[in-house]
Amino acid sequence: MLPQAAMSDPRPPKRVKDPDALRRFRLENLGEPCFDCELRPGTEVHHITFRSQGGNDEASNLALLCSSCH
């Protein structure tokens, strides 16, 4: 059984970074326009749900943005 303090801890569970997933996403979407402005090429991987809010490194949570929009 977990200690009482652990049960009431409001922090999200520890996130695991997956740099390989970010690299794969960037390569698979190379040449795509920026997700936001659609004017410049997307060059930076952006988390739709921020990692600090529990977002993960799955492709469904990633978008490519240009440096201006990011």
PDB file of N, CA and C in Angstrom:
ATOM      1  N   MET A   1       0.842  -1.186   0.000  1.00  0.00           N
ATOM      2  CA  MET A   1       0.000   0.000   0.000  1.00  0.00           C
ATOM      3  C   MET A   1       0.887   1.250   0.000  1.00  0.00           C
ATOM      4  N   LEU A   2       0.466   2.284  -0.718  1.00  0.00           N
ATOM      5  CA  LEU A   2       1.226   3.523  -0.799  1.00  0.00           C
ATOM      6  C   LEU A   2       1.044   4.360   0.454  1.00  0.00           C
ATOM      7  N   PRO A   3       2.083   5.087   0.833  1.00  0.00           N
ATOM      8  CA  PRO A   3       1.925   6.015   1.967  1.00  0.00           C
ATOM      9  C   PRO A   3       0.878   7.076   1.634  1.00  0.00           C
ATOM     10  N   GLN A   4       0.240   7.618   2.629  1.00  0.00           N
ATOM     11  CA  GLN A   4      -0.820   8.607   2.449  1.00  0.00           C
ATOM     12  C   GLN A   4      -0.344   9.815   1.649  1.00  0.00           C
ATOM     13  N   ALA A   5       0.893  10.272   1.886  1.00  0.00           N
ATOM     14  CA  ALA A   5       1.417  11.446   1.178  1.00  0.00           C
ATOM     15  C   ALA A   5       1.489  11.187  -0.323  1.00  0.00           C
ATOM     16  N   ALA A   6       1.869   9.972  -0.732  1.00  0.00           N
ATOM     17  CA  ALA A   6       1.984   9.659  -2.156  1.00  0.00           C
ATOM     18  C   ALA A   6       0.616   9.662  -2.832  1.00  0.00           C
ATOM     19  N   MET A   7      -0.423   9.291  -2.127  1.00  0.00           N
ATOM     20  CA  MET A   7      -1.768   9.239  -2.699  1.00  0.00           C
ATOM     21  C   MET A   7      -2.326  10.624  -2.975  1.00  0.00           C
ATOM     22  N   SER A   8      -1.905  11.606  -2.216  1.00  0.00           N
ATOM     23  CA  SER A   8      -2.447  12.952  -2.381  1.00  0.00           C
ATOM     24  C   SER A   8      -1.483  13.882  -3.116  1.00  0.00           C
ATOM     25  N   ASP A   9      -0.414  13.344  -3.688  1.00  0.00           N
ATOM     26  CA  ASP A   9       0.576  14.154  -4.385  1.00  0.00           C
ATOM     27  C   ASP A   9      -0.042  14.709  -5.669  1.00  0.00           C
ATOM     28  N   PRO A  10      -0.162  16.053  -5.812  1.00  0.00           N
ATOM     29  CA  PRO A  10      -0.822  16.648  -6.979  1.00  0.00           C
ATOM     30  C   PRO A  10       0.059  16.690  -8.230  1.00  0.00           C
ATOM     31  N   ARG A  11       1.338  16.371  -8.099  1.00  0.00           N
ATOM     32  CA  ARG A  11       2.229  16.441  -9.256  1.00  0.00           C
ATOM     33  C   ARG A  11       1.893  15.335 -10.258  1.00  0.00           C
ATOM     34  N   PRO A  12       2.052  15.630 -11.570  1.00  0.00           N
ATOM     35  CA  PRO A  12       1.817  14.584 -12.575  1.00  0.00           C
ATOM     36  C   PRO A  12       2.892  13.511 -12.456  1.00  0.00           C
ATOM     37  N   PRO A  13       2.628  12.330 -12.972  1.00  0.00           N
ATOM     38  CA  PRO A  13       3.648  11.283 -12.915  1.00  0.00           C
ATOM     39  C   PRO A  13       4.890  11.695 -13.697  1.00  0.00           C
ATOM     40  N   LYS A  14       6.038  11.147 -13.311  1.00  0.00           N
ATOM     41  CA  LYS A  14       7.302  11.483 -13.958  1.00  0.00           C
ATOM     42  C   LYS A  14       7.232  11.125 -15.447  1.00  0.00           C
ATOM     43  N   ARG A  15       7.653  12.078 -16.292  1.00  0.00           N
ATOM     44  CA  ARG A  15       7.619  11.880 -17.730  1.00  0.00           C
ATOM     45  C   ARG A  15       8.948  11.297 -18.210  1.00  0.00           C
ATOM     46  N   VAL A  16       8.869  10.504 -19.231  1.00  0.00           N
ATOM     47  CA  VAL A  16      10.064   9.919 -19.823  1.00  0.00           C
ATOM     48  C   VAL A  16      10.304  10.593 -21.158  1.00  0.00           C
ATOM     49  N   LYS A  17      11.462  11.204 -21.303  1.00  0.00           N
ATOM     50  CA  LYS A  17      11.807  11.830 -22.580  1.00  0.00           C
ATOM     51  C   LYS A  17      12.179  10.752 -23.576  1.00  0.00           C
ATOM     52  N   ASP A  18      11.775  10.931 -24.820  1.00  0.00           N
ATOM     53  CA  ASP A  18      12.095   9.986 -25.884  1.00  0.00           C
ATOM     54  C   ASP A  18      12.691  10.758 -27.058  1.00  0.00           C
ATOM     55  N   PRO A  19      13.994  11.074 -26.979  1.00  0.00           N
ATOM     56  CA  PRO A  19      14.604  11.863 -28.054  1.00  0.00           C
ATOM     57  C   PRO A  19      14.527  11.172 -29.411  1.00  0.00           C
ATOM     58  N   ASP A  20      14.508   9.835 -29.428  1.00  0.00           N
ATOM     59  CA  ASP A  20      14.392   9.120 -30.701  1.00  0.00           C
ATOM     60  C   ASP A  20      13.038   9.379 -31.352  1.00  0.00           C
ATOM     61  N   ALA A  21      11.986   9.458 -30.556  1.00  0.00           N
ATOM     62  CA  ALA A  21      10.651   9.736 -31.096  1.00  0.00           C
ATOM     63  C   ALA A  21      10.609  11.141 -31.697  1.00  0.00           C
ATOM     64  N   LEU A  22      11.244  12.098 -31.039  1.00  0.00           N
ATOM     65  CA  LEU A  22      11.279  13.468 -31.566  1.00  0.00           C
ATOM     66  C   LEU A  22      12.056  13.510 -32.879  1.00  0.00           C
ATOM     67  N   ARG A  23      13.175  12.804 -32.934  1.00  0.00           N
ATOM     68  CA  ARG A  23      13.996  12.749 -34.141  1.00  0.00           C
ATOM     69  C   ARG A  23      13.213  12.096 -35.286  1.00  0.00           C
ATOM     70  N   ARG A  24      12.546  10.971 -35.006  1.00  0.00           N
ATOM     71  CA  ARG A  24      11.747  10.293 -36.034  1.00  0.00           C
ATOM     72  C   ARG A  24      10.646  11.201 -36.556  1.00  0.00           C
ATOM     73  N   PHE A  25       9.948  11.901 -35.631  1.00  0.00           N
ATOM     74  CA  PHE A  25       8.868  12.797 -36.041  1.00  0.00           C
ATOM     75  C   PHE A  25       9.398  13.879 -36.968  1.00  0.00           C
ATOM     76  N   ARG A  26      10.538  14.462 -36.620  1.00  0.00           N
ATOM     77  CA  ARG A  26      11.122  15.530 -37.441  1.00  0.00           C
ATOM     78  C   ARG A  26      11.468  15.000 -38.829  1.00  0.00           C
ATOM     79  N   LEU A  27      12.090  13.818 -38.901  1.00  0.00           N
ATOM     80  CA  LEU A  27      12.481  13.257 -40.193  1.00  0.00           C
ATOM     81  C   LEU A  27      11.272  12.848 -41.025  1.00  0.00           C
ATOM     82  N   GLU A  28      10.257  12.273 -40.393  1.00  0.00           N
ATOM     83  CA  GLU A  28       9.076  11.832 -41.125  1.00  0.00           C
ATOM     84  C   GLU A  28       8.263  13.007 -41.671  1.00  0.00           C
ATOM     85  N   ASN A  29       8.398  14.173 -41.071  1.00  0.00           N
ATOM     86  CA  ASN A  29       7.618  15.340 -41.482  1.00  0.00           C
ATOM     87  C   ASN A  29       8.475  16.427 -42.113  1.00  0.00           C
ATOM     88  N   LEU A  30       9.676  16.058 -42.509  1.00  0.00           N
ATOM     89  CA  LEU A  30      10.604  16.995 -43.137  1.00  0.00           C
ATOM     90  C   LEU A  30       9.965  17.649 -44.359  1.00  0.00           C
ATOM     91  N   GLY A  31      10.033  18.956 -44.436  1.00  0.00           N
ATOM     92  CA  GLY A  31       9.474  19.688 -45.570  1.00  0.00           C
ATOM     93  C   GLY A  31       8.031  20.122 -45.382  1.00  0.00           C
ATOM     94  N   GLU A  32       7.405  19.697 -44.298  1.00  0.00           N
ATOM     95  CA  GLU A  32       6.023  20.100 -44.029  1.00  0.00           C
ATOM     96  C   GLU A  32       5.993  21.573 -43.603  1.00  0.00           C
ATOM     97  N   PRO A  33       4.914  22.280 -43.910  1.00  0.00           N
ATOM     98  CA  PRO A  33       4.828  23.680 -43.469  1.00  0.00           C
ATOM     99  C   PRO A  33       4.582  23.768 -41.966  1.00  0.00           C
ATOM    100  N   CYS A  34       4.821  24.933 -41.427  1.00  0.00           N
ATOM    101  CA  CYS A  34       4.570  25.206 -40.010  1.00  0.00           C
ATOM    102  C   CYS A  34       3.104  24.905 -39.688  1.00  0.00           C
ATOM    103  N   PHE A  35       2.875  24.208 -38.600  1.00  0.00           N
ATOM    104  CA  PHE A  35       1.534  23.831 -38.164  1.00  0.00           C
ATOM    105  C   PHE A  35       0.676  25.058 -37.879  1.00  0.00           C
ATOM    106  N   ASP A  36       1.307  26.157 -37.460  1.00  0.00           N
ATOM    107  CA  ASP A  36       0.569  27.354 -37.055  1.00  0.00           C
ATOM    108  C   ASP A  36       0.335  28.315 -38.222  1.00  0.00           C
ATOM    109  N   CYS A  37       1.404  28.830 -38.809  1.00  0.00           N
ATOM    110  CA  CYS A  37       1.243  29.866 -39.844  1.00  0.00           C
ATOM    111  C   CYS A  37       1.143  29.288 -41.259  1.00  0.00           C
ATOM    112  N   GLU A  38       1.656  28.101 -41.477  1.00  0.00           N
ATOM    113  CA  GLU A  38       1.655  27.435 -42.785  1.00  0.00           C
ATOM    114  C   GLU A  38       2.386  28.225 -43.871  1.00  0.00           C
ATOM    115  N   LEU A  39       3.210  29.187 -43.481  1.00  0.00           N
ATOM    116  CA  LEU A  39       3.946  30.005 -44.444  1.00  0.00           C
ATOM    117  C   LEU A  39       5.396  29.565 -44.595  1.00  0.00           C
ATOM    118  N   ARG A  40       6.014  29.178 -43.499  1.00  0.00           N
ATOM    119  CA  ARG A  40       7.419  28.785 -43.497  1.00  0.00           C
ATOM    120  C   ARG A  40       7.518  27.288 -43.182  1.00  0.00           C
ATOM    121  N   PRO A  41       8.648  26.678 -43.523  1.00  0.00           N
ATOM    122  CA  PRO A  41       8.812  25.258 -43.195  1.00  0.00           C
ATOM    123  C   PRO A  41       8.878  25.041 -41.684  1.00  0.00           C
ATOM    124  N   GLY A  42       8.253  23.973 -41.227  1.00  0.00           N
ATOM    125  CA  GLY A  42       8.334  23.619 -39.818  1.00  0.00           C
ATOM    126  C   GLY A  42       9.688  23.014 -39.525  1.00  0.00           C
ATOM    127  N   THR A  43      10.396  23.572 -38.579  1.00  0.00           N
ATOM    128  CA  THR A  43      11.744  23.100 -38.265  1.00  0.00           C
ATOM    129  C   THR A  43      11.908  22.699 -36.807  1.00  0.00           C
ATOM    130  N   GLU A  44      10.982  23.082 -35.946  1.00  0.00           N
ATOM    131  CA  GLU A  44      11.111  22.803 -34.516  1.00  0.00           C
ATOM    132  C   GLU A  44       9.923  21.974 -34.038  1.00  0.00           C
ATOM    133  N   VAL A  45      10.233  20.918 -33.289  1.00  0.00           N
ATOM    134  CA  VAL A  45       9.180  20.049 -32.768  1.00  0.00           C
ATOM    135  C   VAL A  45       8.550  20.723 -31.552  1.00  0.00           C
ATOM    136  N   HIS A  46       7.230  20.779 -31.546  1.00  0.00           N
ATOM    137  CA  HIS A  46       6.459  21.413 -30.467  1.00  0.00           C
ATOM    138  C   HIS A  46       5.493  20.389 -29.888  1.00  0.00           C
ATOM    139  N   HIS A  47       5.372  20.363 -28.564  1.00  0.00           N
ATOM    140  CA  HIS A  47       4.409  19.489 -27.901  1.00  0.00           C
ATOM    141  C   HIS A  47       3.069  20.216 -27.823  1.00  0.00           C
ATOM    142  N   ILE A  48       2.011  19.612 -28.341  1.00  0.00           N
ATOM    143  CA  ILE A  48       0.682  20.222 -28.317  1.00  0.00           C
ATOM    144  C   ILE A  48       0.206  20.339 -26.878  1.00  0.00           C
ATOM    145  N   THR A  49       0.265  19.242 -26.131  1.00  0.00           N
ATOM    146  CA  THR A  49       0.059  19.287 -24.678  1.00  0.00           C
ATOM    147  C   THR A  49       1.445  19.321 -24.082  1.00  0.00           C
ATOM    148  N   PHE A  50       1.780  20.414 -23.420  1.00  0.00           N
ATOM    149  CA  PHE A  50       3.123  20.604 -22.900  1.00  0.00           C
ATOM    150  C   PHE A  50       3.539  19.442 -22.005  1.00  0.00           C
ATOM    151  N   ARG A  51       4.825  19.127 -22.059  1.00  0.00           N
ATOM    152  CA  ARG A  51       5.354  18.061 -21.203  1.00  0.00           C
ATOM    153  C   ARG A  51       5.088  18.376 -19.729  1.00  0.00           C
ATOM    154  N   SER A  52       5.157  19.644 -19.366  1.00  0.00           N
ATOM    155  CA  SER A  52       4.927  20.031 -17.965  1.00  0.00           C
ATOM    156  C   SER A  52       3.487  19.778 -17.537  1.00  0.00           C
ATOM    157  N   GLN A  53       2.595  19.594 -18.511  1.00  0.00           N
ATOM    158  CA  GLN A  53       1.184  19.327 -18.206  1.00  0.00           C
ATOM    159  C   GLN A  53       0.824  17.873 -18.493  1.00  0.00           C
ATOM    160  N   GLY A  54       1.848  17.034 -18.593  1.00  0.00           N
ATOM    161  CA  GLY A  54       1.612  15.609 -18.774  1.00  0.00           C
ATOM    162  C   GLY A  54       1.671  15.135 -20.212  1.00  0.00           C
ATOM    163  N   GLY A  55       2.029  16.020 -21.155  1.00  0.00           N
ATOM    164  CA  GLY A  55       2.134  15.614 -22.551  1.00  0.00           C
ATOM    165  C   GLY A  55       3.280  14.645 -22.761  1.00  0.00           C
ATOM    166  N   ASN A  56       3.183  13.844 -23.809  1.00  0.00           N
ATOM    167  CA  ASN A  56       4.216  12.849 -24.074  1.00  0.00           C
ATOM    168  C   ASN A  56       4.869  13.126 -25.422  1.00  0.00           C
ATOM    169  N   ASP A  57       5.764  12.221 -25.812  1.00  0.00           N
ATOM    170  CA  ASP A  57       6.511  12.382 -27.058  1.00  0.00           C
ATOM    171  C   ASP A  57       5.920  11.548 -28.196  1.00  0.00           C
ATOM    172  N   GLU A  58       4.645  11.186 -28.112  1.00  0.00           N
ATOM    173  CA  GLU A  58       4.006  10.441 -29.185  1.00  0.00           C
ATOM    174  C   GLU A  58       3.679  11.383 -30.342  1.00  0.00           C
ATOM    175  N   ALA A  59       3.689  10.843 -31.547  1.00  0.00           N
ATOM    176  CA  ALA A  59       3.470  11.665 -32.750  1.00  0.00           C
ATOM    177  C   ALA A  59       2.152  12.428 -32.693  1.00  0.00           C
ATOM    178  N   SER A  60       1.131  11.868 -32.067  1.00  0.00           N
ATOM    179  CA  SER A  60      -0.172  12.539 -31.994  1.00  0.00           C
ATOM    180  C   SER A  60      -0.128  13.794 -31.122  1.00  0.00           C
ATOM    181  N   ASN A  61       0.939  13.962 -30.329  1.00  0.00           N
ATOM    182  CA  ASN A  61       1.069  15.129 -29.461  1.00  0.00           C
ATOM    183  C   ASN A  61       2.148  16.091 -29.963  1.00  0.00           C
ATOM    184  N   LEU A  62       2.644  15.879 -31.175  1.00  0.00           N
ATOM    185  CA  LEU A  62       3.722  16.708 -31.695  1.00  0.00           C
ATOM    186  C   LEU A  62       3.289  17.461 -32.941  1.00  0.00           C
ATOM    187  N   ALA A  63       3.890  18.615 -33.146  1.00  0.00           N
ATOM    188  CA  ALA A  63       3.663  19.414 -34.352  1.00  0.00           C
ATOM    189  C   ALA A  63       4.961  20.109 -34.698  1.00  0.00           C
ATOM    190  N   LEU A  64       5.186  20.361 -35.987  1.00  0.00           N
ATOM    191  CA  LEU A  64       6.350  21.113 -36.421  1.00  0.00           C
ATOM    192  C   LEU A  64       5.969  22.579 -36.564  1.00  0.00           C
ATOM    193  N   LEU A  65       6.751  23.442 -35.950  1.00  0.00           N
ATOM    194  CA  LEU A  65       6.545  24.889 -36.053  1.00  0.00           C
ATOM    195  C   LEU A  65       7.796  25.537 -36.616  1.00  0.00           C
ATOM    196  N   CYS A  66       7.623  26.674 -37.250  1.00  0.00           N
ATOM    197  CA  CYS A  66       8.793  27.460 -37.666  1.00  0.00           C
ATOM    198  C   CYS A  66       9.336  28.168 -36.427  1.00  0.00           C
ATOM    199  N   SER A  67      10.540  28.691 -36.522  1.00  0.00           N
ATOM    200  CA  SER A  67      11.142  29.325 -35.348  1.00  0.00           C
ATOM    201  C   SER A  67      10.363  30.566 -34.905  1.00  0.00           C
ATOM    202  N   SER A  68       9.728  31.269 -35.824  1.00  0.00           N
ATOM    203  CA  SER A  68       8.940  32.457 -35.455  1.00  0.00           C
ATOM    204  C   SER A  68       7.709  32.096 -34.614  1.00  0.00           C
ATOM    205  N   CYS A  69       7.045  31.029 -34.984  1.00  0.00           N
ATOM    206  CA  CYS A  69       5.829  30.623 -34.267  1.00  0.00           C
ATOM    207  C   CYS A  69       6.155  29.893 -32.967  1.00  0.00           C
ATOM    208  N   HIS A  70       7.313  29.257 -32.905  1.00  0.00           N
ATOM    209  CA  HIS A  70       7.661  28.506 -31.713  1.00  0.00           C
ATOM    210  C   HIS A  70       8.204  29.447 -30.677  1.00  0.00           C
TER     211      HIS A  70
END
